[in-house]
Every structure is written in structure tokens, then in C-alpha cells.
Amino acid sequence: MRAKEMKTDVDAVVVFGGTNDFGHGDAPFGEITDTEPDTFCGACDALISLLLNKYPSKPVVFLTPLHRLSEGFWCNLI
């Protein structure tokens, strides 16, 4: 929702989702085809659509979080 209020006079848009966003979010992950913001996948789709429409001639970059072993999900994979 904060993206709607961002300035439009920018050189680029950088989205950096942290491990807190992953490990402490309460939305279900959903399906990659989701478009409604009630799942993680749907919220990503909504954010990407908003940014591409708001900044059509600007680079939009998504950075993934650094791997952390202290989040429960990652600990279960080891």
C-alpha cells in the first residue's frame, strides 16, 4: 500500500524484501497465478503491476533477502 504514495520523480525503484517479511508475515503463500493481494503471491503481483504502471520508463529492481538460518522455515530445510 505504501507504493501508492511514493514520489513519481525517481531514477529507479528498488524493492528489498527482508527475511522478516518472509518469516513473520501472516498471509498464506498462495499460488503463482494469484492476482488478489490476500496471498503473498497475489500481493507481489499487485505490487509489480502498480510499479510497472506508475513507473513505465524506470527500472524496477527486486532484491531477495540474504539467507538466514534463524528463521524456522530455513532451519527445517537443513
PDB file of N, CA and C in Angstrom:
ATOM      1  N   MET A   1       0.817  -1.203   0.000  1.00  0.00           N
ATOM      2  CA  MET A   1       0.000   0.000   0.000  1.00  0.00           C
ATOM      3  C   MET A   1       0.858   1.264   0.000  1.00  0.00           C
ATOM      4  N   ARG A   2       2.047   1.197   0.589  1.00  0.00           N
ATOM      5  CA  ARG A   2       2.927   2.371   0.616  1.00  0.00           C
ATOM      6  C   ARG A   2       3.373   2.773  -0.771  1.00  0.00           C
ATOM      7  N   ALA A   3       3.427   1.842  -1.690  1.00  0.00           N
ATOM      8  CA  ALA A   3       3.892   2.143  -3.041  1.00  0.00           C
ATOM      9  C   ALA A   3       2.996   3.162  -3.729  1.00  0.00           C
ATOM     10  N   LYS A   4       1.717   3.182  -3.385  1.00  0.00           N
ATOM     11  CA  LYS A   4       0.800   4.139  -3.995  1.00  0.00           C
ATOM     12  C   LYS A   4       1.166   5.578  -3.667  1.00  0.00           C
ATOM     13  N   GLU A   5       1.835   5.800  -2.540  1.00  0.00           N
ATOM     14  CA  GLU A   5       2.174   7.147  -2.096  1.00  0.00           C
ATOM     15  C   GLU A   5       3.604   7.554  -2.430  1.00  0.00           C
ATOM     16  N   MET A   6       4.344   6.701  -3.104  1.00  0.00           N
ATOM     17  CA  MET A   6       5.725   7.028  -3.459  1.00  0.00           C
ATOM     18  C   MET A   6       5.768   8.139  -4.488  1.00  0.00           C
ATOM     19  N   LYS A   7       6.835   8.928  -4.446  1.00  0.00           N
ATOM     20  CA  LYS A   7       7.029  10.003  -5.421  1.00  0.00           C
ATOM     21  C   LYS A   7       7.170   9.414  -6.819  1.00  0.00           C
ATOM     22  N   THR A   8       6.833  10.204  -7.806  1.00  0.00           N
ATOM     23  CA  THR A   8       6.948   9.728  -9.182  1.00  0.00           C
ATOM     24  C   THR A   8       8.232  10.210  -9.853  1.00  0.00           C
ATOM     25  N   ASP A   9       8.907  11.198  -9.276  1.00  0.00           N
ATOM     26  CA  ASP A   9      10.139  11.729  -9.849  1.00  0.00           C
ATOM     27  C   ASP A   9      11.325  10.938  -9.290  1.00  0.00           C
ATOM     28  N   VAL A  10      11.555   9.752  -9.842  1.00  0.00           N
ATOM     29  CA  VAL A  10      12.624   8.867  -9.371  1.00  0.00           C
ATOM     30  C   VAL A  10      13.451   8.401 -10.559  1.00  0.00           C
ATOM     31  N   ASP A  11      14.664   7.951 -10.266  1.00  0.00           N
ATOM     32  CA  ASP A  11      15.525   7.381 -11.301  1.00  0.00           C
ATOM     33  C   ASP A  11      15.292   5.885 -11.460  1.00  0.00           C
ATOM     34  N   ALA A  12      14.950   5.227 -10.353  1.00  0.00           N
ATOM     35  CA  ALA A  12      14.720   3.789 -10.354  1.00  0.00           C
ATOM     36  C   ALA A  12      13.921   3.437  -9.107  1.00  0.00           C
ATOM     37  N   VAL A  13      13.342   2.244  -9.116  1.00  0.00           N
ATOM     38  CA  VAL A  13      12.598   1.737  -7.965  1.00  0.00           C
ATOM     39  C   VAL A  13      13.272   0.441  -7.528  1.00  0.00           C
ATOM     40  N   VAL A  14      13.613   0.364  -6.236  1.00  0.00           N
ATOM     41  CA  VAL A  14      14.233  -0.835  -5.690  1.00  0.00           C
ATOM     42  C   VAL A  14      13.345  -1.381  -4.575  1.00  0.00           C
ATOM     43  N   VAL A  15      12.963  -2.628  -4.704  1.00  0.00           N
ATOM     44  CA  VAL A  15      12.153  -3.307  -3.684  1.00  0.00           C
ATOM     45  C   VAL A  15      13.059  -4.340  -3.018  1.00  0.00           C
ATOM     46  N   PHE A  16      13.274  -4.186  -1.723  1.00  0.00           N
ATOM     47  CA  PHE A  16      14.113  -5.123  -0.983  1.00  0.00           C
ATOM     48  C   PHE A  16      13.272  -5.737   0.117  1.00  0.00           C
ATOM     49  N   GLY A  17      12.840  -6.973  -0.102  1.00  0.00           N
ATOM     50  CA  GLY A  17      12.052  -7.675   0.898  1.00  0.00           C
ATOM     51  C   GLY A  17      12.979  -8.388   1.863  1.00  0.00           C
ATOM     52  N   GLY A  18      12.807  -8.139   3.128  1.00  0.00           N
ATOM     53  CA  GLY A  18      13.687  -8.733   4.119  1.00  0.00           C
ATOM     54  C   GLY A  18      13.185 -10.067   4.631  1.00  0.00           C
ATOM     55  N   THR A  19      14.009 -10.720   5.429  1.00  0.00           N
ATOM     56  CA  THR A  19      13.621 -12.010   5.975  1.00  0.00           C
ATOM     57  C   THR A  19      12.476 -11.872   6.967  1.00  0.00           C
ATOM     58  N   ASN A  20      12.320 -10.713   7.580  1.00  0.00           N
ATOM     59  CA  ASN A  20      11.166 -10.504   8.453  1.00  0.00           C
ATOM     60  C   ASN A  20       9.869 -10.578   7.656  1.00  0.00           C
ATOM     61  N   ASP A  21       9.892 -10.057   6.427  1.00  0.00           N
ATOM     62  CA  ASP A  21       8.702 -10.124   5.579  1.00  0.00           C
ATOM     63  C   ASP A  21       8.322 -11.569   5.309  1.00  0.00           C
ATOM     64  N   PHE A  22       9.316 -12.416   5.139  1.00  0.00           N
ATOM     65  CA  PHE A  22       9.049 -13.822   4.851  1.00  0.00           C
ATOM     66  C   PHE A  22       8.691 -14.597   6.121  1.00  0.00           C
ATOM     67  N   GLY A  23       9.492 -14.434   7.140  1.00  0.00           N
ATOM     68  CA  GLY A  23       9.342 -15.262   8.324  1.00  0.00           C
ATOM     69  C   GLY A  23       8.226 -14.856   9.265  1.00  0.00           C
ATOM     70  N   HIS A  24       7.757 -13.622   9.160  1.00  0.00           N
ATOM     71  CA  HIS A  24       6.774 -13.148  10.125  1.00  0.00           C
ATOM     72  C   HIS A  24       5.478 -12.663   9.486  1.00  0.00           C
ATOM     73  N   GLY A  25       5.343 -12.821   8.187  1.00  0.00           N
ATOM     74  CA  GLY A  25       4.099 -12.449   7.532  1.00  0.00           C
ATOM     75  C   GLY A  25       2.994 -13.425   7.880  1.00  0.00           C
ATOM     76  N   ASP A  26       1.759 -12.968   7.824  1.00  0.00           N
ATOM     77  CA  ASP A  26       0.659 -13.858   8.182  1.00  0.00           C
ATOM     78  C   ASP A  26      -0.207 -14.238   6.990  1.00  0.00           C
ATOM     79  N   ALA A  27       0.145 -13.800   5.797  1.00  0.00           N
ATOM     80  CA  ALA A  27      -0.630 -14.156   4.611  1.00  0.00           C
ATOM     81  C   ALA A  27      -0.182 -15.532   4.116  1.00  0.00           C
ATOM     82  N   PRO A  28      -1.113 -16.343   3.628  1.00  0.00           N
ATOM     83  CA  PRO A  28      -0.707 -17.610   3.021  1.00  0.00           C
ATOM     84  C   PRO A  28       0.123 -17.353   1.763  1.00  0.00           C
ATOM     85  N   PHE A  29       0.994 -18.271   1.416  1.00  0.00           N
ATOM     86  CA  PHE A  29       1.850 -18.096   0.237  1.00  0.00           C
ATOM     87  C   PHE A  29       1.017 -18.010  -1.033  1.00  0.00           C
ATOM     88  N   GLY A  30       0.034 -18.868  -1.192  1.00  0.00           N
ATOM     89  CA  GLY A  30      -0.833 -18.842  -2.364  1.00  0.00           C
ATOM     90  C   GLY A  30      -0.216 -19.551  -3.555  1.00  0.00           C
ATOM     91  N   GLU A  31      -0.777 -19.259  -4.722  1.00  0.00           N
ATOM     92  CA  GLU A  31      -0.332 -19.855  -5.983  1.00  0.00           C
ATOM     93  C   GLU A  31       0.301 -18.776  -6.840  1.00  0.00           C
ATOM     94  N   ILE A  32       1.235 -19.164  -7.695  1.00  0.00           N
ATOM     95  CA  ILE A  32       1.940 -18.208  -8.550  1.00  0.00           C
ATOM     96  C   ILE A  32       0.976 -17.442  -9.459  1.00  0.00           C
ATOM     97  N   THR A  33      -0.209 -17.994  -9.690  1.00  0.00           N
ATOM     98  CA  THR A  33      -1.201 -17.346 -10.565  1.00  0.00           C
ATOM     99  C   THR A  33      -2.110 -16.378  -9.810  1.00  0.00           C
ATOM    100  N   ASP A  34      -1.971 -16.264  -8.486  1.00  0.00           N
ATOM    101  CA  ASP A  34      -2.830 -15.361  -7.702  1.00  0.00           C
ATOM    102  C   ASP A  34      -2.621 -13.909  -8.113  1.00  0.00           C
ATOM    103  N   THR A  35      -3.727 -13.165  -8.184  1.00  0.00           N
ATOM    104  CA  THR A  35      -3.648 -11.744  -8.508  1.00  0.00           C
ATOM    105  C   THR A  35      -4.271 -10.863  -7.428  1.00  0.00           C
ATOM    106  N   GLU A  36      -4.944 -11.460  -6.474  1.00  0.00           N
ATOM    107  CA  GLU A  36      -5.541 -10.691  -5.374  1.00  0.00           C
ATOM    108  C   GLU A  36      -4.529 -10.595  -4.226  1.00  0.00           C
ATOM    109  N   PRO A  37      -4.462  -9.446  -3.538  1.00  0.00           N
ATOM    110  CA  PRO A  37      -3.416  -9.236  -2.532  1.00  0.00           C
ATOM    111  C   PRO A  37      -3.634  -9.947  -1.193  1.00  0.00           C
ATOM    112  N   ASP A  38      -4.490 -10.965  -1.136  1.00  0.00           N
ATOM    113  CA  ASP A  38      -4.701 -11.668   0.128  1.00  0.00           C
ATOM    114  C   ASP A  38      -3.745 -12.846   0.313  1.00  0.00           C
ATOM    115  N   THR A  39      -2.882 -13.097  -0.677  1.00  0.00           N
ATOM    116  CA  THR A  39      -1.811 -14.083  -0.536  1.00  0.00           C
ATOM    117  C   THR A  39      -0.484 -13.394  -0.853  1.00  0.00           C
ATOM    118  N   PHE A  40       0.621 -14.021  -0.466  1.00  0.00           N
ATOM    119  CA  PHE A  40       1.940 -13.460  -0.773  1.00  0.00           C
ATOM    120  C   PHE A  40       2.115 -13.301  -2.278  1.00  0.00           C
ATOM    121  N   CYS A  41       1.784 -14.352  -3.039  1.00  0.00           N
ATOM    122  CA  CYS A  41       1.942 -14.297  -4.496  1.00  0.00           C
ATOM    123  C   CYS A  41       1.052 -13.221  -5.115  1.00  0.00           C
ATOM    124  N   GLY A  42      -0.181 -13.132  -4.648  1.00  0.00           N
ATOM    125  CA  GLY A  42      -1.093 -12.116  -5.168  1.00  0.00           C
ATOM    126  C   GLY A  42      -0.633 -10.709  -4.826  1.00  0.00           C
ATOM    127  N   ALA A  43      -0.097 -10.526  -3.615  1.00  0.00           N
ATOM    128  CA  ALA A  43       0.407  -9.210  -3.215  1.00  0.00           C
ATOM    129  C   ALA A  43       1.610  -8.819  -4.063  1.00  0.00           C
ATOM    130  N   CYS A  44       2.481  -9.783  -4.376  1.00  0.00           N
ATOM    131  CA  CYS A  44       3.613  -9.497  -5.260  1.00  0.00           C
ATOM    132  C   CYS A  44       3.127  -9.083  -6.645  1.00  0.00           C
ATOM    133  N   ASP A  45       2.126  -9.795  -7.150  1.00  0.00           N
ATOM    134  CA  ASP A  45       1.559  -9.453  -8.456  1.00  0.00           C
ATOM    135  C   ASP A  45       0.983  -8.037  -8.445  1.00  0.00           C
ATOM    136  N   ALA A  46       0.251  -7.708  -7.388  1.00  0.00           N
ATOM    137  CA  ALA A  46      -0.348  -6.372  -7.285  1.00  0.00           C
ATOM    138  C   ALA A  46       0.737  -5.295  -7.214  1.00  0.00           C
ATOM    139  N   LEU A  47       1.792  -5.552  -6.439  1.00  0.00           N
ATOM    140  CA  LEU A  47       2.876  -4.580  -6.314  1.00  0.00           C
ATOM    141  C   LEU A  47       3.603  -4.392  -7.640  1.00  0.00           C
ATOM    142  N   ILE A  48       3.921  -5.485  -8.308  1.00  0.00           N
ATOM    143  CA  ILE A  48       4.609  -5.393  -9.601  1.00  0.00           C
ATOM    144  C   ILE A  48       3.762  -4.633 -10.606  1.00  0.00           C
ATOM    145  N   SER A  49       2.479  -4.934 -10.680  1.00  0.00           N
ATOM    146  CA  SER A  49       1.583  -4.234 -11.611  1.00  0.00           C
ATOM    147  C   SER A  49       1.526  -2.744 -11.310  1.00  0.00           C
ATOM    148  N   LEU A  50       1.397  -2.401 -10.035  1.00  0.00           N
ATOM    149  CA  LEU A  50       1.338  -0.998  -9.644  1.00  0.00           C
ATOM    150  C   LEU A  50       2.625  -0.276 -10.040  1.00  0.00           C
ATOM    151  N   LEU A  51       3.774  -0.871  -9.725  1.00  0.00           N
ATOM    152  CA  LEU A  51       5.051  -0.224 -10.019  1.00  0.00           C
ATOM    153  C   LEU A  51       5.294  -0.078 -11.515  1.00  0.00           C
ATOM    154  N   LEU A  52       4.965  -1.104 -12.292  1.00  0.00           N
ATOM    155  CA  LEU A  52       5.168  -1.010 -13.738  1.00  0.00           C
ATOM    156  C   LEU A  52       4.258   0.033 -14.371  1.00  0.00           C
ATOM    157  N   ASN A  53       3.047   0.202 -13.843  1.00  0.00           N
ATOM    158  CA  ASN A  53       2.139   1.228 -14.363  1.00  0.00           C
ATOM    159  C   ASN A  53       2.532   2.622 -13.896  1.00  0.00           C
ATOM    160  N   LYS A  54       3.016   2.741 -12.668  1.00  0.00           N
ATOM    161  CA  LYS A  54       3.378   4.046 -12.115  1.00  0.00           C
ATOM    162  C   LYS A  54       4.710   4.556 -12.668  1.00  0.00           C
ATOM    163  N   TYR A  55       5.623   3.639 -12.955  1.00  0.00           N
ATOM    164  CA  TYR A  55       6.960   3.992 -13.427  1.00  0.00           C
ATOM    165  C   TYR A  55       7.280   3.260 -14.735  1.00  0.00           C
ATOM    166  N   PRO A  56       6.529   3.525 -15.792  1.00  0.00           N
ATOM    167  CA  PRO A  56       6.683   2.725 -17.015  1.00  0.00           C
ATOM    168  C   PRO A  56       8.050   2.845 -17.691  1.00  0.00           C
ATOM    169  N   SER A  57       8.757   3.925 -17.480  1.00  0.00           N
ATOM    170  CA  SER A  57      10.054   4.101 -18.145  1.00  0.00           C
ATOM    171  C   SER A  57      11.231   3.982 -17.183  1.00  0.00           C
ATOM    172  N   LYS A  58      10.985   3.529 -15.970  1.00  0.00           N
ATOM    173  CA  LYS A  58      12.037   3.431 -14.959  1.00  0.00           C
ATOM    174  C   LYS A  58      12.368   1.969 -14.669  1.00  0.00           C
ATOM    175  N   PRO A  59      13.642   1.696 -14.336  1.00  0.00           N
ATOM    176  CA  PRO A  59      13.962   0.322 -13.921  1.00  0.00           C
ATOM    177  C   PRO A  59      13.307  -0.005 -12.584  1.00  0.00           C
ATOM    178  N   VAL A  60      12.742  -1.189 -12.483  1.00  0.00           N
ATOM    179  CA  VAL A  60      12.163  -1.684 -11.233  1.00  0.00           C
ATOM    180  C   VAL A  60      12.953  -2.946 -10.868  1.00  0.00           C
ATOM    181  N   VAL A  61      13.612  -2.898  -9.719  1.00  0.00           N
ATOM    182  CA  VAL A  61      14.519  -3.966  -9.309  1.00  0.00           C
ATOM    183  C   VAL A  61      14.011  -4.590  -8.016  1.00  0.00           C
ATOM    184  N   PHE A  62      13.957  -5.920  -7.970  1.00  0.00           N
ATOM    185  CA  PHE A  62      13.598  -6.649  -6.759  1.00  0.00           C
ATOM    186  C   PHE A  62      14.841  -7.359  -6.254  1.00  0.00           C
ATOM    187  N   LEU A  63      15.153  -7.157  -4.982  1.00  0.00           N
ATOM    188  CA  LEU A  63      16.282  -7.838  -4.352  1.00  0.00           C
ATOM    189  C   LEU A  63      15.735  -8.861  -3.369  1.00  0.00           C
ATOM    190  N   THR A  64      16.320 -10.026  -3.385  1.00  0.00           N
ATOM    191  CA  THR A  64      15.881 -11.058  -2.447  1.00  0.00           C
ATOM    192  C   THR A  64      16.675 -10.934  -1.152  1.00  0.00           C
ATOM    193  N   PRO A  65      16.095 -11.377  -0.063  1.00  0.00           N
ATOM    194  CA  PRO A  65      16.802 -11.272   1.219  1.00  0.00           C
ATOM    195  C   PRO A  65      17.994 -12.217   1.286  1.00  0.00           C
ATOM    196  N   LEU A  66      18.937 -11.862   2.137  1.00  0.00           N
ATOM    197  CA  LEU A  66      20.051 -12.750   2.412  1.00  0.00           C
ATOM    198  C   LEU A  66      19.526 -13.981   3.137  1.00  0.00           C
ATOM    199  N   HIS A  67      20.134 -15.103   2.916  1.00  0.00           N
ATOM    200  CA  HIS A  67      19.721 -16.327   3.604  1.00  0.00           C
ATOM    201  C   HIS A  67      20.063 -16.217   5.085  1.00  0.00           C
ATOM    202  N   ARG A  68      19.130 -16.631   5.907  1.00  0.00           N
ATOM    203  CA  ARG A  68      19.311 -16.643   7.358  1.00  0.00           C
ATOM    204  C   ARG A  68      18.921 -18.003   7.874  1.00  0.00           C
ATOM    205  N   LEU A  69      19.708 -18.526   8.775  1.00  0.00           N
ATOM    206  CA  LEU A  69      19.403 -19.841   9.326  1.00  0.00           C
ATOM    207  C   LEU A  69      18.510 -19.773  10.550  1.00  0.00           C
ATOM    208  N   SER A  70      18.240 -18.579  11.054  1.00  0.00           N
ATOM    209  CA  SER A  70      17.474 -18.478  12.289  1.00  0.00           C
ATOM    210  C   SER A  70      15.965 -18.468  12.084  1.00  0.00           C
ATOM    211  N   GLU A  71      15.503 -18.395  10.862  1.00  0.00           N
ATOM    212  CA  GLU A  71      14.074 -18.444  10.609  1.00  0.00           C
ATOM    213  C   GLU A  71      13.634 -19.904  10.606  1.00  0.00           C
ATOM    214  N   GLY A  72      12.510 -20.198  11.193  1.00  0.00           N
ATOM    215  CA  GLY A  72      12.042 -21.572  11.318  1.00  0.00           C
ATOM    216  C   GLY A  72      11.970 -22.330  10.016  1.00  0.00           C
ATOM    217  N   PHE A  73      11.513 -21.687   8.958  1.00  0.00           N
ATOM    218  CA  PHE A  73      11.367 -22.360   7.670  1.00  0.00           C
ATOM    219  C   PHE A  73      12.705 -22.896   7.179  1.00  0.00           C
ATOM    220  N   TRP A  74      13.722 -22.055   7.215  1.00  0.00           N
ATOM    221  CA  TRP A  74      15.037 -22.457   6.700  1.00  0.00           C
ATOM    222  C   TRP A  74      15.651 -23.532   7.588  1.00  0.00           C
ATOM    223  N   CYS A  75      15.442 -23.455   8.885  1.00  0.00           N
ATOM    224  CA  CYS A  75      16.005 -24.469   9.778  1.00  0.00           C
ATOM    225  C   CYS A  75      15.459 -25.851   9.446  1.00  0.00           C
ATOM    226  N   ASN A  76      14.225 -25.915   9.000  1.00  0.00           N
ATOM    227  CA  ASN A  76      13.609 -27.206   8.671  1.00  0.00           C
ATOM    228  C   ASN A  76      14.164 -27.796   7.382  1.00  0.00           C
ATOM    229  N   LEU A  77      14.797 -26.963   6.560  1.00  0.00           N
ATOM    230  CA  LEU A  77      15.325 -27.445   5.287  1.00  0.00           C
ATOM    231  C   LEU A  77      16.724 -28.034   5.427  1.00  0.00           C
ATOM    232  N   ILE A  78      17.374 -27.763   6.504  1.00  0.00           N
ATOM    233  CA  ILE A  78      18.770 -28.202   6.678  1.00  0.00           C
ATOM    234  C   ILE A  78      18.820 -29.620   7.212  1.00  0.00           C
TER     235      ILE A  78
END
